[in-house]
Amino acid sequence: MPGYRKAVELPQVIPVFPLDGALLLPGGELPLQIFEPRYLNMVDDVMGGDRVVGMIQTRGGDRGRPILAKVGCLGRITSYAETSDGRYLVTLTGVCRFEPGEEIAISTPYRQVRARYDRFETDLARDEMTLAPTAIRERFGRALKRYLNRRELDIDWETATTAPLEPLVNSLAMGLPFEPAEKQALLEAADLTGRFEALTALLEIDCMEDGDDESHSVQ
């Protein structure tokens, strides 16, 4: 994967894949199953170039051409396979968040925009926050435990208590069944610390009525 260091090195015009409920974060991995013809066409095109796609949610507008959310995340195809019935199975690895600027008037069946990365250039440097204060870890662990219990979900607690904070927060933010607006809030958090705090708050809000006080700390 190219070692982008500055925003100016990133592709300035990118194809976008509007998909509500799908969250890609810098450094995260998002598996996708592509079957709609225009997006099969998109994958064909990008595989011959930079292999990048802008994942983004929508915020209303015409169903056939919805208004794009204010922030998306550029991803690079790092895994690709084609099924016997013509679907593509790809994995996008998050590179950097972007703001969609001018939409390009072109003939491709998929949409393309001029991306603005300036606000998010720090995404290109790995966040060094691997630990959180003990009290915060314990609060997060309690909220996560209650959330998972309420929804009858399960994770590997040994991994959760030892994993570096960035991949843990990103995997939970991307994988847990939050509403699209909640996922957008996680995407737009200023940095990893802000995303960790927002994730903790979402977990606590979801389980405010639950009385399970079992504590687990997460580093």
C-alpha atoms as a PDB file:
ATOM      1  CA  MET A   1       0.000   0.000   0.000  1.00  0.00           C
ATOM      2  CA  PRO A   2       1.466   3.409  -0.972  1.00  0.00           C
ATOM      3  CA  GLY A   3       2.983   5.284   1.949  1.00  0.00           C
ATOM      4  CA  TYR A   4       1.093   8.550   1.572  1.00  0.00           C
ATOM      5  CA  ARG A   5       2.650  11.168   3.843  1.00  0.00           C
ATOM      6  CA  LYS A   6       0.957  14.408   2.807  1.00  0.00           C
ATOM      7  CA  ALA A   7      -2.524  15.314   1.587  1.00  0.00           C
ATOM      8  CA  VAL A   8      -1.141  16.624  -1.703  1.00  0.00           C
ATOM      9  CA  GLU A   9       0.071  13.105  -2.533  1.00  0.00           C
ATOM     10  CA  LEU A  10      -3.481  11.707  -2.413  1.00  0.00           C
ATOM     11  CA  PRO A  11      -5.623  11.415  -5.567  1.00  0.00           C
ATOM     12  CA  GLN A  12      -7.503  14.684  -5.979  1.00  0.00           C
ATOM     13  CA  VAL A  13     -10.415  13.325  -8.051  1.00  0.00           C
ATOM     14  CA  ILE A  14     -11.910  10.120  -6.680  1.00  0.00           C
ATOM     15  CA  PRO A  15     -14.886   7.843  -7.375  1.00  0.00           C
ATOM     16  CA  VAL A  16     -17.354   7.689  -4.505  1.00  0.00           C
ATOM     17  CA  PHE A  17     -19.424   4.762  -3.266  1.00  0.00           C
ATOM     18  CA  PRO A  18     -22.404   6.117  -1.292  1.00  0.00           C
ATOM     19  CA  LEU A  19     -23.485   3.437   1.162  1.00  0.00           C
ATOM     20  CA  ASP A  20     -25.427   4.291   4.304  1.00  0.00           C
ATOM     21  CA  GLY A  21     -24.552   2.248   7.367  1.00  0.00           C
ATOM     22  CA  ALA A  22     -21.075   1.369   6.076  1.00  0.00           C
ATOM     23  CA  LEU A  23     -18.213   2.985   7.976  1.00  0.00           C
ATOM     24  CA  LEU A  24     -14.586   3.059   6.889  1.00  0.00           C
ATOM     25  CA  LEU A  25     -12.001   4.653   9.173  1.00  0.00           C
ATOM     26  CA  PRO A  26      -8.321   5.419   8.511  1.00  0.00           C
ATOM     27  CA  GLY A  27      -6.386   2.226   9.143  1.00  0.00           C
ATOM     28  CA  GLY A  28      -9.560   0.122   9.267  1.00  0.00           C
ATOM     29  CA  GLU A  29     -10.542  -2.647   6.862  1.00  0.00           C
ATOM     30  CA  LEU A  30     -13.993  -2.815   5.275  1.00  0.00           C
ATOM     31  CA  PRO A  31     -15.036  -5.941   3.307  1.00  0.00           C
ATOM     32  CA  LEU A  32     -17.522  -5.236   0.529  1.00  0.00           C
ATOM     33  CA  GLN A  33     -19.516  -7.370  -1.861  1.00  0.00           C
ATOM     34  CA  ILE A  34     -19.973  -5.489  -5.132  1.00  0.00           C
ATOM     35  CA  PHE A  35     -22.767  -6.542  -7.471  1.00  0.00           C
ATOM     36  CA  GLU A  36     -24.461  -3.408  -8.840  1.00  0.00           C
ATOM     37  CA  PRO A  37     -23.292  -2.856 -12.454  1.00  0.00           C
ATOM     38  CA  ARG A  38     -22.148   0.761 -12.014  1.00  0.00           C
ATOM     39  CA  TYR A  39     -19.973  -0.184  -9.052  1.00  0.00           C
ATOM     40  CA  LEU A  40     -18.598  -3.238 -10.813  1.00  0.00           C
ATOM     41  CA  ASN A  41     -17.594  -0.740 -13.505  1.00  0.00           C
ATOM     42  CA  MET A  42     -16.051   1.481 -10.836  1.00  0.00           C
ATOM     43  CA  VAL A  43     -13.944  -1.358  -9.441  1.00  0.00           C
ATOM     44  CA  ASP A  44     -12.793  -2.303 -12.948  1.00  0.00           C
ATOM     45  CA  ASP A  45     -11.664   1.274 -13.523  1.00  0.00           C
ATOM     46  CA  VAL A  46      -9.872   1.830 -10.218  1.00  0.00           C
ATOM     47  CA  MET A  47      -8.040  -1.498 -10.348  1.00  0.00           C
ATOM     48  CA  GLY A  48      -6.195  -0.155 -13.371  1.00  0.00           C
ATOM     49  CA  GLY A  49      -5.127   2.977 -11.508  1.00  0.00           C
ATOM     50  CA  ASP A  50      -4.721   4.083  -7.894  1.00  0.00           C
ATOM     51  CA  ARG A  51      -7.169   1.427  -6.597  1.00  0.00           C
ATOM     52  CA  VAL A  52      -8.896   4.005  -4.403  1.00  0.00           C
ATOM     53  CA  VAL A  53     -12.582   4.558  -3.630  1.00  0.00           C
ATOM     54  CA  GLY A  54     -14.228   7.174  -1.450  1.00  0.00           C
ATOM     55  CA  MET A  55     -16.671   5.537   0.956  1.00  0.00           C
ATOM     56  CA  ILE A  56     -19.353   7.981   2.021  1.00  0.00           C
ATOM     57  CA  GLN A  57     -22.841   8.059   3.504  1.00  0.00           C
ATOM     58  CA  THR A  58     -25.701  10.269   2.330  1.00  0.00           C
ATOM     59  CA  ARG A  59     -27.920  12.911   3.919  1.00  0.00           C
ATOM     60  CA  GLY A  60     -31.173  12.938   2.019  1.00  0.00           C
ATOM     61  CA  GLY A  61     -31.997  14.264  -1.404  1.00  0.00           C
ATOM     62  CA  ASP A  62     -33.094  12.362  -4.481  1.00  0.00           C
ATOM     63  CA  ARG A  63     -32.992   8.602  -4.001  1.00  0.00           C
ATOM     64  CA  GLY A  64     -31.238   8.072  -7.320  1.00  0.00           C
ATOM     65  CA  ARG A  65     -28.663  10.799  -6.622  1.00  0.00           C
ATOM     66  CA  PRO A  66     -28.617  11.520  -2.887  1.00  0.00           C
ATOM     67  CA  ILE A  67     -26.752  14.373  -1.243  1.00  0.00           C
ATOM     68  CA  LEU A  68     -23.376  13.179  -0.047  1.00  0.00           C
ATOM     69  CA  ALA A  69     -22.439  13.434   3.627  1.00  0.00           C
ATOM     70  CA  LYS A  70     -20.014  16.158   4.602  1.00  0.00           C
ATOM     71  CA  VAL A  71     -17.176  13.716   5.323  1.00  0.00           C
ATOM     72  CA  GLY A  72     -16.166  10.376   3.831  1.00  0.00           C
ATOM     73  CA  CYS A  73     -13.069   8.175   3.946  1.00  0.00           C
ATOM     74  CA  LEU A  74     -10.736   7.308   1.108  1.00  0.00           C
ATOM     75  CA  GLY A  75      -9.966   3.602   0.959  1.00  0.00           C
ATOM     76  CA  ARG A  76      -7.586   1.551  -1.134  1.00  0.00           C
ATOM     77  CA  ILE A  77      -8.504  -1.878  -2.452  1.00  0.00           C
ATOM     78  CA  THR A  78      -6.086  -4.219  -0.711  1.00  0.00           C
ATOM     79  CA  SER A  79      -7.927  -7.481  -1.421  1.00  0.00           C
ATOM     80  CA  TYR A  80      -9.834  -8.456  -4.539  1.00  0.00           C
ATOM     81  CA  ALA A  81     -11.599 -11.582  -5.759  1.00  0.00           C
ATOM     82  CA  GLU A  82     -14.251 -12.316  -8.366  1.00  0.00           C
ATOM     83  CA  THR A  83     -17.003 -14.889  -7.843  1.00  0.00           C
ATOM     84  CA  SER A  84     -18.304 -17.288 -10.478  1.00  0.00           C
ATOM     85  CA  ASP A  85     -21.520 -15.253 -10.780  1.00  0.00           C
ATOM     86  CA  GLY A  86     -19.695 -11.982 -11.479  1.00  0.00           C
ATOM     87  CA  ARG A  87     -19.642 -10.339  -8.049  1.00  0.00           C
ATOM     88  CA  TYR A  88     -16.506  -8.715  -6.694  1.00  0.00           C
ATOM     89  CA  LEU A  89     -15.351  -9.343  -3.139  1.00  0.00           C
ATOM     90  CA  VAL A  90     -13.036  -6.535  -2.109  1.00  0.00           C
ATOM     91  CA  THR A  91     -11.493  -5.182   1.064  1.00  0.00           C
ATOM     92  CA  LEU A  92     -10.916  -1.460   1.429  1.00  0.00           C
ATOM     93  CA  THR A  93      -8.226  -0.249   3.810  1.00  0.00           C
ATOM     94  CA  GLY A  94      -8.892   3.263   5.088  1.00  0.00           C
ATOM     95  CA  VAL A  95      -6.316   5.889   4.129  1.00  0.00           C
ATOM     96  CA  CYS A  96      -7.603   9.369   4.955  1.00  0.00           C
ATOM     97  CA  ARG A  97     -10.891  11.154   5.518  1.00  0.00           C
ATOM     98  CA  PHE A  98     -12.038  13.727   2.974  1.00  0.00           C
ATOM     99  CA  GLU A  99     -14.661  16.354   2.324  1.00  0.00           C
ATOM    100  CA  PRO A 100     -16.432  15.949  -1.022  1.00  0.00           C
ATOM    101  CA  GLY A 101     -15.998  19.099  -3.058  1.00  0.00           C
ATOM    102  CA  GLU A 102     -17.045  19.784  -6.614  1.00  0.00           C
ATOM    103  CA  GLU A 103     -18.751  16.842  -8.307  1.00  0.00           C
ATOM    104  CA  ILE A 104     -17.134  16.103 -11.639  1.00  0.00           C
ATOM    105  CA  ALA A 105     -19.389  16.091 -14.710  1.00  0.00           C
ATOM    106  CA  ILE A 106     -18.245  12.949 -16.490  1.00  0.00           C
ATOM    107  CA  SER A 107     -19.789  10.035 -18.353  1.00  0.00           C
ATOM    108  CA  THR A 108     -19.017   7.234 -15.889  1.00  0.00           C
ATOM    109  CA  PRO A 109     -22.078   5.576 -14.345  1.00  0.00           C
ATOM    110  CA  TYR A 110     -20.650   6.158 -10.863  1.00  0.00           C
ATOM    111  CA  ARG A 111     -20.059   9.541  -9.260  1.00  0.00           C
ATOM    112  CA  GLN A 112     -16.713  11.266  -8.884  1.00  0.00           C
ATOM    113  CA  VAL A 113     -15.777  14.253  -6.742  1.00  0.00           C
ATOM    114  CA  ARG A 114     -12.845  16.518  -6.120  1.00  0.00           C
ATOM    115  CA  ALA A 115     -11.705  15.512  -2.628  1.00  0.00           C
ATOM    116  CA  ARG A 116     -10.438  17.900   0.029  1.00  0.00           C
ATOM    117  CA  TYR A 117      -8.134  16.306   2.598  1.00  0.00           C
ATOM    118  CA  ASP A 118      -6.633  19.348   4.337  1.00  0.00           C
ATOM    119  CA  ARG A 119      -8.617  19.005   7.588  1.00  0.00           C
ATOM    120  CA  PHE A 120      -7.598  15.377   7.950  1.00  0.00           C
ATOM    121  CA  GLU A 121      -3.917  15.272   7.006  1.00  0.00           C
ATOM    122  CA  THR A 122      -3.117  13.905  10.469  1.00  0.00           C
ATOM    123  CA  ASP A 123      -4.918  10.688   9.404  1.00  0.00           C
ATOM    124  CA  LEU A 124      -1.791   9.896   7.378  1.00  0.00           C
ATOM    125  CA  ALA A 125       0.285   9.667  10.567  1.00  0.00           C
ATOM    126  CA  ARG A 126      -0.512   6.760  12.824  1.00  0.00           C
ATOM    127  CA  ASP A 127      -2.037   7.880  16.098  1.00  0.00           C
ATOM    128  CA  GLU A 128       0.229   7.047  19.021  1.00  0.00           C
ATOM    129  CA  MET A 129      -2.593   6.820  21.576  1.00  0.00           C
ATOM    130  CA  THR A 130      -2.372   3.142  22.493  1.00  0.00           C
ATOM    131  CA  LEU A 131      -3.438   3.422  26.137  1.00  0.00           C
ATOM    132  CA  ALA A 132      -6.123   5.330  27.993  1.00  0.00           C
ATOM    133  CA  PRO A 133      -6.235   6.214  31.712  1.00  0.00           C
ATOM    134  CA  THR A 134      -7.402   3.318  33.865  1.00  0.00           C
ATOM    135  CA  ALA A 135     -10.674   4.984  34.906  1.00  0.00           C
ATOM    136  CA  ILE A 136     -11.571   5.674  31.289  1.00  0.00           C
ATOM    137  CA  ARG A 137     -10.695   2.125  30.239  1.00  0.00           C
ATOM    138  CA  GLU A 138     -12.893   0.732  32.981  1.00  0.00           C
ATOM    139  CA  ARG A 139     -15.800   2.999  32.044  1.00  0.00           C
ATOM    140  CA  PHE A 140     -15.460   1.935  28.413  1.00  0.00           C
ATOM    141  CA  GLY A 141     -15.238  -1.734  29.368  1.00  0.00           C
ATOM    142  CA  ARG A 142     -18.401  -1.561  31.472  1.00  0.00           C
ATOM    143  CA  ALA A 143     -20.327   0.187  28.716  1.00  0.00           C
ATOM    144  CA  LEU A 144     -19.135  -2.259  26.069  1.00  0.00           C
ATOM    145  CA  LYS A 145     -20.016  -5.271  28.231  1.00  0.00           C
ATOM    146  CA  ARG A 146     -23.538  -4.005  28.854  1.00  0.00           C
ATOM    147  CA  TYR A 147     -24.020  -3.108  25.200  1.00  0.00           C
ATOM    148  CA  LEU A 148     -22.964  -6.577  24.029  1.00  0.00           C
ATOM    149  CA  ASN A 149     -25.114  -8.298  26.662  1.00  0.00           C
ATOM    150  CA  ARG A 150     -28.201  -6.314  25.688  1.00  0.00           C
ATOM    151  CA  ARG A 151     -27.743  -7.210  22.035  1.00  0.00           C
ATOM    152  CA  GLU A 152     -26.596 -10.782  22.671  1.00  0.00           C
ATOM    153  CA  LEU A 153     -23.295 -10.161  20.937  1.00  0.00           C
ATOM    154  CA  ASP A 154     -19.884 -11.463  21.922  1.00  0.00           C
ATOM    155  CA  ILE A 155     -16.222 -10.580  21.388  1.00  0.00           C
ATOM    156  CA  ASP A 156     -12.899 -12.028  22.462  1.00  0.00           C
ATOM    157  CA  TRP A 157     -12.370 -10.229  25.788  1.00  0.00           C
ATOM    158  CA  GLU A 158      -8.727 -11.269  26.050  1.00  0.00           C
ATOM    159  CA  THR A 159      -8.040  -9.572  22.723  1.00  0.00           C
ATOM    160  CA  ALA A 160     -10.145  -6.562  23.690  1.00  0.00           C
ATOM    161  CA  THR A 161      -8.211  -6.009  26.904  1.00  0.00           C
ATOM    162  CA  THR A 162      -4.775  -6.218  25.268  1.00  0.00           C
ATOM    163  CA  ALA A 163      -5.291  -4.763  21.780  1.00  0.00           C
ATOM    164  CA  PRO A 164      -3.807  -1.328  20.962  1.00  0.00           C
ATOM    165  CA  LEU A 165      -6.490   1.303  21.238  1.00  0.00           C
ATOM    166  CA  GLU A 166      -6.626   2.434  17.603  1.00  0.00           C
ATOM    167  CA  PRO A 167      -7.461  -0.938  15.970  1.00  0.00           C
ATOM    168  CA  LEU A 168      -9.807  -1.790  18.840  1.00  0.00           C
ATOM    169  CA  VAL A 169     -11.783   1.462  18.594  1.00  0.00           C
ATOM    170  CA  ASN A 170     -11.832   1.352  14.806  1.00  0.00           C
ATOM    171  CA  SER A 171     -13.002  -2.268  14.635  1.00  0.00           C
ATOM    172  CA  LEU A 172     -15.787  -1.677  17.161  1.00  0.00           C
ATOM    173  CA  ALA A 173     -16.881   1.601  15.574  1.00  0.00           C
ATOM    174  CA  MET A 174     -17.027  -0.048  12.146  1.00  0.00           C
ATOM    175  CA  GLY A 175     -18.457  -3.385  13.229  1.00  0.00           C
ATOM    176  CA  LEU A 176     -21.093  -2.637  15.856  1.00  0.00           C
ATOM    177  CA  PRO A 177     -24.667  -2.037  14.588  1.00  0.00           C
ATOM    178  CA  PHE A 178     -24.882   1.702  15.149  1.00  0.00           C
ATOM    179  CA  GLU A 179     -27.306   3.874  13.204  1.00  0.00           C
ATOM    180  CA  PRO A 180     -25.924   5.696  10.110  1.00  0.00           C
ATOM    181  CA  ALA A 181     -25.964   9.076  11.913  1.00  0.00           C
ATOM    182  CA  GLU A 182     -24.027   7.562  14.813  1.00  0.00           C
ATOM    183  CA  LYS A 183     -21.463   6.064  12.447  1.00  0.00           C
ATOM    184  CA  GLN A 184     -21.099   9.463  10.817  1.00  0.00           C
ATOM    185  CA  ALA A 185     -20.432  11.044  14.202  1.00  0.00           C
ATOM    186  CA  LEU A 186     -17.686   8.491  14.839  1.00  0.00           C
ATOM    187  CA  LEU A 187     -16.165   9.243  11.433  1.00  0.00           C
ATOM    188  CA  GLU A 188     -16.203  12.985  12.049  1.00  0.00           C
ATOM    189  CA  ALA A 189     -14.597  12.820  15.512  1.00  0.00           C
ATOM    190  CA  ALA A 190     -11.488  14.991  15.457  1.00  0.00           C
ATOM    191  CA  ASP A 191      -9.005  12.247  16.349  1.00  0.00           C
ATOM    192  CA  LEU A 192      -8.670   8.853  18.002  1.00  0.00           C
ATOM    193  CA  THR A 193      -9.225  10.326  21.468  1.00  0.00           C
ATOM    194  CA  GLY A 194     -12.427  11.987  20.291  1.00  0.00           C
ATOM    195  CA  ARG A 195     -13.579   8.788  18.582  1.00  0.00           C
ATOM    196  CA  PHE A 196     -12.896   6.766  21.739  1.00  0.00           C
ATOM    197  CA  GLU A 197     -14.958   9.223  23.780  1.00  0.00           C
ATOM    198  CA  ALA A 198     -17.780   9.256  21.209  1.00  0.00           C
ATOM    199  CA  LEU A 199     -17.812   5.465  21.055  1.00  0.00           C
ATOM    200  CA  THR A 200     -17.984   5.225  24.851  1.00  0.00           C
ATOM    201  CA  ALA A 201     -20.866   7.708  24.909  1.00  0.00           C
ATOM    202  CA  LEU A 202     -22.807   5.777  22.249  1.00  0.00           C
ATOM    203  CA  LEU A 203     -22.364   2.532  24.187  1.00  0.00           C
ATOM    204  CA  GLU A 204     -23.547   4.182  27.403  1.00  0.00           C
ATOM    205  CA  ILE A 205     -26.561   5.822  25.762  1.00  0.00           C
ATOM    206  CA  ASP A 206     -27.651   2.497  24.295  1.00  0.00           C
ATOM    207  CA  CYS A 207     -27.584   0.697  27.620  1.00  0.00           C
ATOM    208  CA  MET A 208     -28.683   3.416  30.056  1.00  0.00           C
ATOM    209  CA  GLU A 209     -31.547   1.222  31.258  1.00  0.00           C
ATOM    210  CA  ASP A 210     -29.397  -1.838  31.790  1.00  0.00           C
ATOM    211  CA  GLY A 211     -28.315  -2.674  35.325  1.00  0.00           C
ATOM    212  CA  ASP A 212     -25.298  -4.869  34.558  1.00  0.00           C
ATOM    213  CA  ASP A 213     -22.366  -3.344  36.435  1.00  0.00           C
ATOM    214  CA  GLU A 214     -19.776  -5.972  35.575  1.00  0.00           C
ATOM    215  CA  SER A 215     -16.482  -4.238  34.911  1.00  0.00           C
ATOM    216  CA  HIS A 216     -13.927  -4.952  32.234  1.00  0.00           C
ATOM    217  CA  SER A 217     -10.948  -2.717  31.510  1.00  0.00           C
ATOM    218  CA  VAL A 218      -9.713  -2.119  27.982  1.00  0.00           C
ATOM    219  CA  GLN A 219      -6.260  -0.845  27.110  1.00  0.00           C
END
